[in-house]
Amino acid sequence: LLFFYASLLLFIIVVTPGRIAQFVHDRAQDIRRLRYGS
């Protein structure tokens, strides 16, 4: 778990929180456009 969270933190720093947030937002909108997304 320590290794996992350290790797996750490193991934966030390298990719940047803004790009990750935008990616998650776009996928969330894909779900929202689905007829049975909820």
Full PDB file with SEQRES, HELIX, SHEET, SSBOND, CRYST1, ORIGX, SCALE, CONECT and MASTER records, all heavy atoms in Angstrom:
SEQRES   1 A   38  LEU LEU PHE PHE TYR ALA SER LEU LEU LEU PHE ILE ILE          
SEQRES   2 A   38  VAL VAL THR PRO GLY ARG ILE ALA GLN PHE VAL HIS ASP          
SEQRES   3 A   38  ARG ALA GLN ASP ILE ARG ARG LEU ARG TYR GLY SER              
HELIX    1 AA1 LEU A    2  VAL A   15  1                                  14    
HELIX    2 AA2 PRO A   17  ARG A   33  1                                  17    
CRYST1    1.000    1.000    1.000  90.00  90.00  90.00 P 1           1          
ORIGX1      1.000000  0.000000  0.000000        0.00000                         
ORIGX2      0.000000  1.000000  0.000000        0.00000                         
ORIGX3      0.000000  0.000000  1.000000        0.00000                         
SCALE1      1.000000  0.000000  0.000000        0.00000                         
SCALE2      0.000000  1.000000  0.000000        0.00000                         
SCALE3      0.000000  0.000000  1.000000        0.00000                         
ATOM      1  N   LEU A   1       0.826  -1.209   0.000  1.00  0.00           N  
ATOM      2  CA  LEU A   1       0.000   0.000   0.000  1.00  0.00           C  
ATOM      3  C   LEU A   1       0.864   1.264   0.000  1.00  0.00           C  
ATOM      4  O   LEU A   1       0.562   2.235  -0.705  1.00  0.00           O  
ATOM      5  CB  LEU A   1      -0.928  -0.003   1.218  1.00  0.00           C  
ATOM      6  CG  LEU A   1      -2.072  -1.027   1.182  1.00  0.00           C  
ATOM      7  CD1 LEU A   1      -2.819  -1.024   2.501  1.00  0.00           C  
ATOM      8  CD2 LEU A   1      -3.023  -0.737   0.029  1.00  0.00           C  
ATOM      9  N   LEU A   2       1.951   1.251   0.771  1.00  0.00           N  
ATOM     10  CA  LEU A   2       2.854   2.401   0.783  1.00  0.00           C  
ATOM     11  C   LEU A   2       3.467   2.624  -0.598  1.00  0.00           C  
ATOM     12  O   LEU A   2       3.549   3.760  -1.081  1.00  0.00           O  
ATOM     13  CB  LEU A   2       3.961   2.193   1.829  1.00  0.00           C  
ATOM     14  CG  LEU A   2       3.540   2.284   3.296  1.00  0.00           C  
ATOM     15  CD1 LEU A   2       4.705   1.904   4.204  1.00  0.00           C  
ATOM     16  CD2 LEU A   2       3.049   3.697   3.630  1.00  0.00           C  
ATOM     17  N   PHE A   3       3.891   1.527  -1.234  1.00  0.00           N  
ATOM     18  CA  PHE A   3       4.463   1.628  -2.578  1.00  0.00           C  
ATOM     19  C   PHE A   3       3.419   2.122  -3.575  1.00  0.00           C  
ATOM     20  O   PHE A   3       3.700   2.966  -4.436  1.00  0.00           O  
ATOM     21  CB  PHE A   3       5.003   0.258  -3.014  1.00  0.00           C  
ATOM     22  CG  PHE A   3       5.482   0.215  -4.434  1.00  0.00           C  
ATOM     23  CD1 PHE A   3       6.709   0.763  -4.790  1.00  0.00           C  
ATOM     24  CD2 PHE A   3       4.692  -0.373  -5.431  1.00  0.00           C  
ATOM     25  CE1 PHE A   3       7.141   0.732  -6.114  1.00  0.00           C  
ATOM     26  CE2 PHE A   3       5.124  -0.403  -6.741  1.00  0.00           C  
ATOM     27  CZ  PHE A   3       6.351   0.147  -7.079  1.00  0.00           C  
ATOM     28  N   PHE A   4       2.189   1.607  -3.440  1.00  0.00           N  
ATOM     29  CA  PHE A   4       1.107   1.999  -4.349  1.00  0.00           C  
ATOM     30  C   PHE A   4       0.818   3.493  -4.249  1.00  0.00           C  
ATOM     31  O   PHE A   4       0.732   4.190  -5.271  1.00  0.00           O  
ATOM     32  CB  PHE A   4      -0.151   1.192  -4.033  1.00  0.00           C  
ATOM     33  CG  PHE A   4      -1.370   1.651  -4.785  1.00  0.00           C  
ATOM     34  CD1 PHE A   4      -1.550   1.299  -6.114  1.00  0.00           C  
ATOM     35  CD2 PHE A   4      -2.325   2.456  -4.170  1.00  0.00           C  
ATOM     36  CE1 PHE A   4      -2.669   1.729  -6.821  1.00  0.00           C  
ATOM     37  CE2 PHE A   4      -3.445   2.884  -4.867  1.00  0.00           C  
ATOM     38  CZ  PHE A   4      -3.620   2.527  -6.196  1.00  0.00           C  
ATOM     39  N   TYR A   5       0.670   3.994  -3.024  1.00  0.00           N  
ATOM     40  CA  TYR A   5       0.332   5.410  -2.855  1.00  0.00           C  
ATOM     41  C   TYR A   5       1.501   6.320  -3.236  1.00  0.00           C  
ATOM     42  O   TYR A   5       1.291   7.425  -3.749  1.00  0.00           O  
ATOM     43  CB  TYR A   5      -0.115   5.679  -1.421  1.00  0.00           C  
ATOM     44  CG  TYR A   5      -1.512   5.175  -1.145  1.00  0.00           C  
ATOM     45  CD1 TYR A   5      -1.740   4.156  -0.229  1.00  0.00           C  
ATOM     46  CD2 TYR A   5      -2.607   5.697  -1.829  1.00  0.00           C  
ATOM     47  CE1 TYR A   5      -3.025   3.675   0.006  1.00  0.00           C  
ATOM     48  CE2 TYR A   5      -3.894   5.216  -1.599  1.00  0.00           C  
ATOM     49  CZ  TYR A   5      -4.095   4.216  -0.681  1.00  0.00           C  
ATOM     50  OH  TYR A   5      -5.361   3.755  -0.447  1.00  0.00           O  
ATOM     51  N   ALA A   6       2.736   5.846  -2.997  1.00  0.00           N  
ATOM     52  CA  ALA A   6       3.897   6.631  -3.422  1.00  0.00           C  
ATOM     53  C   ALA A   6       3.939   6.716  -4.952  1.00  0.00           C  
ATOM     54  O   ALA A   6       4.207   7.784  -5.525  1.00  0.00           O  
ATOM     55  CB  ALA A   6       5.181   6.008  -2.879  1.00  0.00           C  
ATOM     56  N   SER A   7       3.657   5.594  -5.608  1.00  0.00           N  
ATOM     57  CA  SER A   7       3.626   5.574  -7.075  1.00  0.00           C  
ATOM     58  C   SER A   7       2.497   6.448  -7.608  1.00  0.00           C  
ATOM     59  O   SER A   7       2.660   7.166  -8.604  1.00  0.00           O  
ATOM     60  CB  SER A   7       3.444   4.139  -7.579  1.00  0.00           C  
ATOM     61  OG  SER A   7       4.484   3.310  -7.125  1.00  0.00           O  
ATOM     62  N   LEU A   8       1.347   6.396  -6.925  1.00  0.00           N  
ATOM     63  CA  LEU A   8       0.207   7.217  -7.338  1.00  0.00           C  
ATOM     64  C   LEU A   8       0.537   8.702  -7.212  1.00  0.00           C  
ATOM     65  O   LEU A   8       0.215   9.500  -8.108  1.00  0.00           O  
ATOM     66  CB  LEU A   8      -1.009   6.867  -6.474  1.00  0.00           C  
ATOM     67  CG  LEU A   8      -2.312   7.625  -6.787  1.00  0.00           C  
ATOM     68  CD1 LEU A   8      -2.772   7.316  -8.215  1.00  0.00           C  
ATOM     69  CD2 LEU A   8      -3.400   7.259  -5.794  1.00  0.00           C  
ATOM     70  N   LEU A   9       1.192   9.077  -6.118  1.00  0.00           N  
ATOM     71  CA  LEU A   9       1.585  10.477  -5.921  1.00  0.00           C  
ATOM     72  C   LEU A   9       2.563  10.917  -7.003  1.00  0.00           C  
ATOM     73  O   LEU A   9       2.438  12.027  -7.561  1.00  0.00           O  
ATOM     74  CB  LEU A   9       2.212  10.653  -4.537  1.00  0.00           C  
ATOM     75  CG  LEU A   9       2.698  12.056  -4.177  1.00  0.00           C  
ATOM     76  CD1 LEU A   9       1.529  13.048  -4.198  1.00  0.00           C  
ATOM     77  CD2 LEU A   9       3.373  12.065  -2.808  1.00  0.00           C  
ATOM     78  N   LEU A  10       3.530  10.065  -7.325  1.00  0.00           N  
ATOM     79  CA  LEU A  10       4.503  10.379  -8.373  1.00  0.00           C  
ATOM     80  C   LEU A  10       3.804  10.538  -9.723  1.00  0.00           C  
ATOM     81  O   LEU A  10       4.116  11.451 -10.506  1.00  0.00           O  
ATOM     82  CB  LEU A  10       5.558   9.280  -8.449  1.00  0.00           C  
ATOM     83  CG  LEU A  10       6.669   9.476  -9.489  1.00  0.00           C  
ATOM     84  CD1 LEU A  10       7.477  10.734  -9.170  1.00  0.00           C  
ATOM     85  CD2 LEU A  10       7.586   8.253  -9.531  1.00  0.00           C  
ATOM     86  N   PHE A  11       2.841   9.652  -9.997  1.00  0.00           N  
ATOM     87  CA  PHE A  11       2.079   9.719 -11.250  1.00  0.00           C  
ATOM     88  C   PHE A  11       1.329  11.044 -11.349  1.00  0.00           C  
ATOM     89  O   PHE A  11       1.313  11.692 -12.411  1.00  0.00           O  
ATOM     90  CB  PHE A  11       1.100   8.549 -11.311  1.00  0.00           C  
ATOM     91  CG  PHE A  11       0.157   8.596 -12.483  1.00  0.00           C  
ATOM     92  CD1 PHE A  11       0.591   8.205 -13.742  1.00  0.00           C  
ATOM     93  CD2 PHE A  11      -1.149   9.040 -12.329  1.00  0.00           C  
ATOM     94  CE1 PHE A  11      -0.275   8.248 -14.838  1.00  0.00           C  
ATOM     95  CE2 PHE A  11      -2.019   9.092 -13.417  1.00  0.00           C  
ATOM     96  CZ  PHE A  11      -1.577   8.697 -14.666  1.00  0.00           C  
ATOM     97  N   ILE A  12       0.701  11.471 -10.265  1.00  0.00           N  
ATOM     98  CA  ILE A  12      -0.052  12.733 -10.254  1.00  0.00           C  
ATOM     99  C   ILE A  12       0.876  13.914 -10.502  1.00  0.00           C  
ATOM    100  O   ILE A  12       0.544  14.846 -11.248  1.00  0.00           O  
ATOM    101  CB  ILE A  12      -0.803  12.899  -8.911  1.00  0.00           C  
ATOM    102  CG1 ILE A  12      -1.913  11.853  -8.802  1.00  0.00           C  
ATOM    103  CG2 ILE A  12      -1.400  14.300  -8.784  1.00  0.00           C  
ATOM    104  CD1 ILE A  12      -2.597  11.807  -7.449  1.00  0.00           C  
ATOM    105  N   ILE A  13       2.058  13.874  -9.885  1.00  0.00           N  
ATOM    106  CA  ILE A  13       3.015  14.977 -10.055  1.00  0.00           C  
ATOM    107  C   ILE A  13       3.495  15.063 -11.495  1.00  0.00           C  
ATOM    108  O   ILE A  13       3.589  16.150 -12.085  1.00  0.00           O  
ATOM    109  CB  ILE A  13       4.212  14.799  -9.096  1.00  0.00           C  
ATOM    110  CG1 ILE A  13       3.744  14.978  -7.642  1.00  0.00           C  
ATOM    111  CG2 ILE A  13       5.319  15.810  -9.415  1.00  0.00           C  
ATOM    112  CD1 ILE A  13       4.815  14.651  -6.619  1.00  0.00           C  
ATOM    113  N   VAL A  14       3.799  13.890 -12.099  1.00  0.00           N  
ATOM    114  CA  VAL A  14       4.343  13.868 -13.458  1.00  0.00           C  
ATOM    115  C   VAL A  14       3.272  14.270 -14.476  1.00  0.00           C  
ATOM    116  O   VAL A  14       3.508  15.105 -15.363  1.00  0.00           O  
ATOM    117  CB  VAL A  14       4.909  12.467 -13.785  1.00  0.00           C  
ATOM    118  CG1 VAL A  14       5.285  12.376 -15.261  1.00  0.00           C  
ATOM    119  CG2 VAL A  14       6.121  12.167 -12.920  1.00  0.00           C  
ATOM    120  N   VAL A  15       2.085  13.675 -14.377  1.00  0.00           N  
ATOM    121  CA  VAL A  15       1.026  13.938 -15.361  1.00  0.00           C  
ATOM    122  C   VAL A  15       0.384  15.307 -15.142  1.00  0.00           C  
ATOM    123  O   VAL A  15      -0.124  15.905 -16.095  1.00  0.00           O  
ATOM    124  CB  VAL A  15      -0.036  12.808 -15.310  1.00  0.00           C  
ATOM    125  CG1 VAL A  15      -1.151  13.063 -16.308  1.00  0.00           C  
ATOM    126  CG2 VAL A  15       0.627  11.466 -15.592  1.00  0.00           C  
ATOM    127  N   THR A  16       0.406  15.780 -13.912  1.00  0.00           N  
ATOM    128  CA  THR A  16      -0.187  17.037 -13.421  1.00  0.00           C  
ATOM    129  C   THR A  16      -1.662  16.853 -13.074  1.00  0.00           C  
ATOM    130  O   THR A  16      -2.411  16.183 -13.821  1.00  0.00           O  
ATOM    131  CB  THR A  16      -0.068  18.223 -14.410  1.00  0.00           C  
ATOM    132  OG1 THR A  16      -0.957  18.027 -15.508  1.00  0.00           O  
ATOM    133  CG2 THR A  16       1.349  18.397 -14.894  1.00  0.00           C  
ATOM    134  N   PRO A  17      -2.089  17.409 -11.942  1.00  0.00           N  
ATOM    135  CA  PRO A  17      -3.481  17.264 -11.498  1.00  0.00           C  
ATOM    136  C   PRO A  17      -4.492  17.805 -12.509  1.00  0.00           C  
ATOM    137  O   PRO A  17      -5.583  17.247 -12.661  1.00  0.00           O  
ATOM    138  CB  PRO A  17      -3.514  18.101 -10.203  1.00  0.00           C  
ATOM    139  CG  PRO A  17      -2.108  18.105  -9.719  1.00  0.00           C  
ATOM    140  CD  PRO A  17      -1.263  18.117 -10.950  1.00  0.00           C  
ATOM    141  N   GLY A  18      -4.136  18.897 -13.229  1.00  0.00           N  
ATOM    142  CA  GLY A  18      -5.066  19.490 -14.184  1.00  0.00           C  
ATOM    143  C   GLY A  18      -5.430  18.538 -15.310  1.00  0.00           C  
ATOM    144  O   GLY A  18      -6.603  18.404 -15.676  1.00  0.00           O  
ATOM    145  N   ARG A  19      -4.428  17.861 -15.868  1.00  0.00           N  
ATOM    146  CA  ARG A  19      -4.675  16.932 -16.972  1.00  0.00           C  
ATOM    147  C   ARG A  19      -5.457  15.710 -16.494  1.00  0.00           C  
ATOM    148  O   ARG A  19      -6.339  15.212 -17.201  1.00  0.00           O  
ATOM    149  CB  ARG A  19      -3.351  16.499 -17.591  1.00  0.00           C  
ATOM    150  CG  ARG A  19      -2.643  17.620 -18.353  1.00  0.00           C  
ATOM    151  CD  ARG A  19      -1.251  17.216 -18.786  1.00  0.00           C  
ATOM    152  NE  ARG A  19      -1.263  16.088 -19.718  1.00  0.00           N  
ATOM    153  CZ  ARG A  19      -0.170  15.494 -20.163  1.00  0.00           C  
ATOM    154  NH1 ARG A  19       1.031  15.914 -19.742  1.00  0.00           N  
ATOM    155  NH2 ARG A  19      -0.256  14.486 -21.013  1.00  0.00           N  
ATOM    156  N   ILE A  20      -5.151  15.239 -15.296  1.00  0.00           N  
ATOM    157  CA  ILE A  20      -5.884  14.102 -14.748  1.00  0.00           C  
ATOM    158  C   ILE A  20      -7.339  14.483 -14.508  1.00  0.00           C  
ATOM    159  O   ILE A  20      -8.264  13.731 -14.845  1.00  0.00           O  
ATOM    160  CB  ILE A  20      -5.230  13.624 -13.428  1.00  0.00           C  
ATOM    161  CG1 ILE A  20      -3.836  13.063 -13.709  1.00  0.00           C  
ATOM    162  CG2 ILE A  20      -6.099  12.573 -12.743  1.00  0.00           C  
ATOM    163  CD1 ILE A  20      -3.046  12.714 -12.466  1.00  0.00           C  
ATOM    164  N   ALA A  21      -7.548  15.679 -13.937  1.00  0.00           N  
ATOM    165  CA  ALA A  21      -8.912  16.136 -13.657  1.00  0.00           C  
ATOM    166  C   ALA A  21      -9.717  16.274 -14.947  1.00  0.00           C  
ATOM    167  O   ALA A  21     -10.898  15.908 -14.995  1.00  0.00           O  
ATOM    168  CB  ALA A  21      -8.865  17.468 -12.909  1.00  0.00           C  
ATOM    169  N   GLN A  22      -9.066  16.800 -15.989  1.00  0.00           N  
ATOM    170  CA  GLN A  22      -9.767  16.964 -17.264  1.00  0.00           C  
ATOM    171  C   GLN A  22     -10.136  15.603 -17.863  1.00  0.00           C  
ATOM    172  O   GLN A  22     -11.238  15.425 -18.402  1.00  0.00           O  
ATOM    173  CB  GLN A  22      -8.889  17.736 -18.241  1.00  0.00           C  
ATOM    174  CG  GLN A  22      -9.578  18.073 -19.558  1.00  0.00           C  
ATOM    175  CD  GLN A  22     -10.763  19.003 -19.363  1.00  0.00           C  
ATOM    176  OE1 GLN A  22     -10.621  20.082 -18.814  1.00  0.00           O  
ATOM    177  NE2 GLN A  22     -11.942  18.583 -19.805  1.00  0.00           N  
ATOM    178  N   PHE A  23      -9.216  14.642 -17.759  1.00  0.00           N  
ATOM    179  CA  PHE A  23      -9.485  13.293 -18.273  1.00  0.00           C  
ATOM    180  C   PHE A  23     -10.673  12.665 -17.544  1.00  0.00           C  
ATOM    181  O   PHE A  23     -11.577  12.098 -18.180  1.00  0.00           O  
ATOM    182  CB  PHE A  23      -8.241  12.413 -18.103  1.00  0.00           C  
ATOM    183  CG  PHE A  23      -8.456  10.977 -18.491  1.00  0.00           C  
ATOM    184  CD1 PHE A  23      -8.402  10.589 -19.820  1.00  0.00           C  
ATOM    185  CD2 PHE A  23      -8.730  10.017 -17.521  1.00  0.00           C  
ATOM    186  CE1 PHE A  23      -8.615   9.269 -20.183  1.00  0.00           C  
ATOM    187  CE2 PHE A  23      -8.938   8.691 -17.880  1.00  0.00           C  
ATOM    188  CZ  PHE A  23      -8.881   8.308 -19.216  1.00  0.00           C  
ATOM    189  N   VAL A  24     -10.679  12.774 -16.201  1.00  0.00           N  
ATOM    190  CA  VAL A  24     -11.782  12.207 -15.412  1.00  0.00           C  
ATOM    191  C   VAL A  24     -13.091  12.912 -15.755  1.00  0.00           C  
ATOM    192  O   VAL A  24     -14.150  12.274 -15.881  1.00  0.00           O  
ATOM    193  CB  VAL A  24     -11.487  12.319 -13.903  1.00  0.00           C  
ATOM    194  CG1 VAL A  24     -12.676  11.852 -13.085  1.00  0.00           C  
ATOM    195  CG2 VAL A  24     -10.251  11.506 -13.531  1.00  0.00           C  
ATOM    196  N   HIS A  25     -13.033  14.238 -15.940  1.00  0.00           N  
ATOM    197  CA  HIS A  25     -14.240  15.000 -16.284  1.00  0.00           C  
ATOM    198  C   HIS A  25     -14.800  14.544 -17.631  1.00  0.00           C  
ATOM    199  O   HIS A  25     -16.023  14.358 -17.785  1.00  0.00           O  
ATOM    200  CB  HIS A  25     -13.918  16.498 -16.340  1.00  0.00           C  
ATOM    201  CG  HIS A  25     -15.089  17.343 -16.728  1.00  0.00           C  
ATOM    202  ND1 HIS A  25     -15.388  17.627 -18.053  1.00  0.00           N  
ATOM    203  CD2 HIS A  25     -16.046  17.959 -15.986  1.00  0.00           C  
ATOM    204  CE1 HIS A  25     -16.471  18.384 -18.096  1.00  0.00           C  
ATOM    205  NE2 HIS A  25     -16.885  18.596 -16.864  1.00  0.00           N  
ATOM    206  N   ASP A  26     -13.920  14.339 -18.610  1.00  0.00           N  
ATOM    207  CA  ASP A  26     -14.370  13.909 -19.942  1.00  0.00           C  
ATOM    208  C   ASP A  26     -15.008  12.526 -19.878  1.00  0.00           C  
ATOM    209  O   ASP A  26     -16.028  12.275 -20.523  1.00  0.00           O  
ATOM    210  CB  ASP A  26     -13.185  13.893 -20.915  1.00  0.00           C  
ATOM    211  CG  ASP A  26     -12.654  15.297 -21.190  1.00  0.00           C  
ATOM    212  OD1 ASP A  26     -13.377  16.267 -20.907  1.00  0.00           O  
ATOM    213  OD2 ASP A  26     -11.506  15.413 -21.668  1.00  0.00           O  
ATOM    214  N   ARG A  27     -14.418  11.604 -19.086  1.00  0.00           N  
ATOM    215  CA  ARG A  27     -15.005  10.258 -18.954  1.00  0.00           C  
ATOM    216  C   ARG A  27     -16.345  10.327 -18.225  1.00  0.00           C  
ATOM    217  O   ARG A  27     -17.274   9.582 -18.538  1.00  0.00           O  
ATOM    218  CB  ARG A  27     -14.041   9.335 -18.183  1.00  0.00           C  
ATOM    219  CG  ARG A  27     -12.665   9.144 -18.828  1.00  0.00           C  
ATOM    220  CD  ARG A  27     -12.712   8.400 -20.154  1.00  0.00           C  
ATOM    221  NE  ARG A  27     -13.173   9.190 -21.286  1.00  0.00           N  
ATOM    222  CZ  ARG A  27     -12.435  10.142 -21.890  1.00  0.00           C  
ATOM    223  NH1 ARG A  27     -11.203  10.414 -21.470  1.00  0.00           N  
ATOM    224  NH2 ARG A  27     -12.920  10.796 -22.916  1.00  0.00           N  
ATOM    225  N   ALA A  28     -16.434  11.231 -17.241  1.00  0.00           N  
ATOM    226  CA  ALA A  28     -17.703  11.396 -16.523  1.00  0.00           C  
ATOM    227  C   ALA A  28     -18.793  11.899 -17.459  1.00  0.00           C  
ATOM    228  O   ALA A  28     -19.947  11.465 -17.383  1.00  0.00           O  
ATOM    229  CB  ALA A  28     -17.517  12.364 -15.345  1.00  0.00           C  
ATOM    230  N   GLN A  29     -18.423  12.793 -18.378  1.00  0.00           N  
ATOM    231  CA  GLN A  29     -19.399  13.286 -19.344  1.00  0.00           C  
ATOM    232  C   GLN A  29     -19.815  12.195 -20.325  1.00  0.00           C  
ATOM    233  O   GLN A  29     -20.962  12.165 -20.783  1.00  0.00           O  
ATOM    234  CB  GLN A  29     -18.815  14.490 -20.105  1.00  0.00           C  
ATOM    235  CG  GLN A  29     -18.590  15.714 -19.232  1.00  0.00           C  
ATOM    236  CD  GLN A  29     -19.817  16.077 -18.420  1.00  0.00           C  
ATOM    237  OE1 GLN A  29     -20.899  16.318 -18.957  1.00  0.00           O  
ATOM    238  NE2 GLN A  29     -19.658  16.129 -17.102  1.00  0.00           N  
ATOM    239  N   ASP A  30     -18.879  11.281 -20.648  1.00  0.00           N  
ATOM    240  CA  ASP A  30     -19.236  10.132 -21.485  1.00  0.00           C  
ATOM    241  C   ASP A  30     -20.295   9.275 -20.795  1.00  0.00           C  
ATOM    242  O   ASP A  30     -21.249   8.811 -21.437  1.00  0.00           O  
ATOM    243  CB  ASP A  30     -17.990   9.282 -21.770  1.00  0.00           C  
ATOM    244  CG  ASP A  30     -17.001   9.985 -22.687  1.00  0.00           C  
ATOM    245  OD1 ASP A  30     -17.414  10.941 -23.378  1.00  0.00           O  
ATOM    246  OD2 ASP A  30     -15.813   9.595 -22.687  1.00  0.00           O  
ATOM    247  N   ILE A  31     -20.116   9.065 -19.495  1.00  0.00           N  
ATOM    248  CA  ILE A  31     -21.105   8.301 -18.724  1.00  0.00           C  
ATOM    249  C   ILE A  31     -22.439   9.033 -18.706  1.00  0.00           C  
ATOM    250  O   ILE A  31     -23.503   8.427 -18.869  1.00  0.00           O  
ATOM    251  CB  ILE A  31     -20.607   8.063 -17.283  1.00  0.00           C  
ATOM    252  CG1 ILE A  31     -19.359   7.186 -17.279  1.00  0.00           C  
ATOM    253  CG2 ILE A  31     -21.707   7.433 -16.422  1.00  0.00           C  
ATOM    254  CD1 ILE A  31     -18.718   7.023 -15.917  1.00  0.00           C  
ATOM    255  N   ARG A  32     -22.381  10.358 -18.541  1.00  0.00           N  
ATOM    256  CA  ARG A  32     -23.610  11.156 -18.460  1.00  0.00           C  
ATOM    257  C   ARG A  32     -24.403  11.097 -19.768  1.00  0.00           C  
ATOM    258  O   ARG A  32     -25.645  11.137 -19.754  1.00  0.00           O  
ATOM    259  CB  ARG A  32     -23.259  12.597 -18.111  1.00  0.00           C  
ATOM    260  CG  ARG A  32     -24.476  13.488 -17.902  1.00  0.00           C  
ATOM    261  CD  ARG A  32     -24.093  14.791 -17.275  1.00  0.00           C  
ATOM    262  NE  ARG A  32     -25.266  15.594 -16.966  1.00  0.00           N  
ATOM    263  CZ  ARG A  32     -25.271  16.621 -16.131  1.00  0.00           C  
ATOM    264  NH1 ARG A  32     -24.164  16.959 -15.499  1.00  0.00           N  
ATOM    265  NH2 ARG A  32     -26.377  17.286 -15.912  1.00  0.00           N  
ATOM    266  N   ARG A  33     -23.687  10.987 -20.883  1.00  0.00           N  
ATOM    267  CA  ARG A  33     -24.368  10.940 -22.180  1.00  0.00           C  
ATOM    268  C   ARG A  33     -25.001   9.579 -22.462  1.00  0.00           C  
ATOM    269  O   ARG A  33     -25.841   9.455 -23.358  1.00  0.00           O  
ATOM    270  CB  ARG A  33     -23.388  11.317 -23.295  1.00  0.00           C  
ATOM    271  CG  ARG A  33     -23.121  12.827 -23.377  1.00  0.00           C  
ATOM    272  CD  ARG A  33     -22.327  13.165 -24.621  1.00  0.00           C  
ATOM    273  NE  ARG A  33     -20.933  12.798 -24.485  1.00  0.00           N  
ATOM    274  CZ  ARG A  33     -19.982  13.617 -24.027  1.00  0.00           C  
ATOM    275  NH1 ARG A  33     -20.303  14.851 -23.662  1.00  0.00           N  
ATOM    276  NH2 ARG A  33     -18.733  13.219 -23.945  1.00  0.00           N  
ATOM    277  N   LEU A  34     -24.590   8.577 -21.705  1.00  0.00           N  
ATOM    278  CA  LEU A  34     -25.194   7.256 -21.880  1.00  0.00           C  
ATOM    279  C   LEU A  34     -26.632   7.275 -21.366  1.00  0.00           C  
ATOM    280  O   LEU A  34     -26.942   7.919 -20.367  1.00  0.00           O  
ATOM    281  CB  LEU A  34     -24.395   6.202 -21.109  1.00  0.00           C  
ATOM    282  CG  LEU A  34     -22.980   5.896 -21.609  1.00  0.00           C  
ATOM    283  CD1 LEU A  34     -22.289   4.923 -20.663  1.00  0.00           C  
ATOM    284  CD2 LEU A  34     -23.019   5.310 -23.017  1.00  0.00           C  
ATOM    285  N   ARG A  35     -27.484   6.538 -22.044  1.00  0.00           N  
ATOM    286  CA  ARG A  35     -28.896   6.518 -21.662  1.00  0.00           C  
ATOM    287  C   ARG A  35     -29.086   5.943 -20.262  1.00  0.00           C  
ATOM    288  O   ARG A  35     -29.930   6.399 -19.496  1.00  0.00           O  
ATOM    289  CB  ARG A  35     -29.686   5.702 -22.686  1.00  0.00           C  
ATOM    290  CG  ARG A  35     -31.188   5.722 -22.455  1.00  0.00           C  
ATOM    291  CD  ARG A  35     -31.915   4.987 -23.560  1.00  0.00           C  
ATOM    292  NE  ARG A  35     -33.356   4.997 -23.359  1.00  0.00           N  
ATOM    293  CZ  ARG A  35     -34.235   4.412 -24.162  1.00  0.00           C  
ATOM    294  NH1 ARG A  35     -33.793   3.771 -25.241  1.00  0.00           N  
ATOM    295  NH2 ARG A  35     -35.521   4.454 -23.904  1.00  0.00           N  
ATOM    296  N   TYR A  36     -28.292   4.917 -19.944  1.00  0.00           N  
ATOM    297  CA  TYR A  36     -28.417   4.261 -18.640  1.00  0.00           C  
ATOM    298  C   TYR A  36     -27.155   4.478 -17.797  1.00  0.00           C  
ATOM    299  O   TYR A  36     -26.751   3.599 -17.031  1.00  0.00           O  
ATOM    300  CB  TYR A  36     -28.679   2.766 -18.825  1.00  0.00           C  
ATOM    301  CG  TYR A  36     -29.949   2.480 -19.601  1.00  0.00           C  
ATOM    302  CD1 TYR A  36     -29.899   2.005 -20.908  1.00  0.00           C  
ATOM    303  CD2 TYR A  36     -31.201   2.705 -19.008  1.00  0.00           C  
ATOM    304  CE1 TYR A  36     -31.072   1.746 -21.613  1.00  0.00           C  
ATOM    305  CE2 TYR A  36     -32.370   2.448 -19.711  1.00  0.00           C  
ATOM    306  CZ  TYR A  36     -32.304   1.977 -21.014  1.00  0.00           C  
ATOM    307  OH  TYR A  36     -33.456   1.727 -21.704  1.00  0.00           O  
ATOM    308  N   GLY A  37     -26.568   5.647 -17.922  1.00  0.00           N  
ATOM    309  CA  GLY A  37     -25.345   5.942 -17.176  1.00  0.00           C  
ATOM    310  C   GLY A  37     -25.531   5.870 -15.672  1.00  0.00           C  
ATOM    311  O   GLY A  37     -24.696   5.309 -14.953  1.00  0.00           O  
ATOM    312  N   SER A  38     -26.639   6.423 -15.187  1.00  0.00           N  
ATOM    313  CA  SER A  38     -26.882   6.407 -13.738  1.00  0.00           C  
ATOM    314  C   SER A  38     -27.107   4.980 -13.246  1.00  0.00           C  
ATOM    315  O   SER A  38     -26.723   4.635 -12.120  1.00  0.00           O  
ATOM    316  CB  SER A  38     -28.090   7.277 -13.390  1.00  0.00           C  
ATOM    317  OG  SER A  38     -29.246   6.831 -14.071  1.00  0.00           O  
TER     318      SER A  38                                                      
MASTER        0    0    0    2    0    0    0    6  317    1    0    3          
END                                                                             
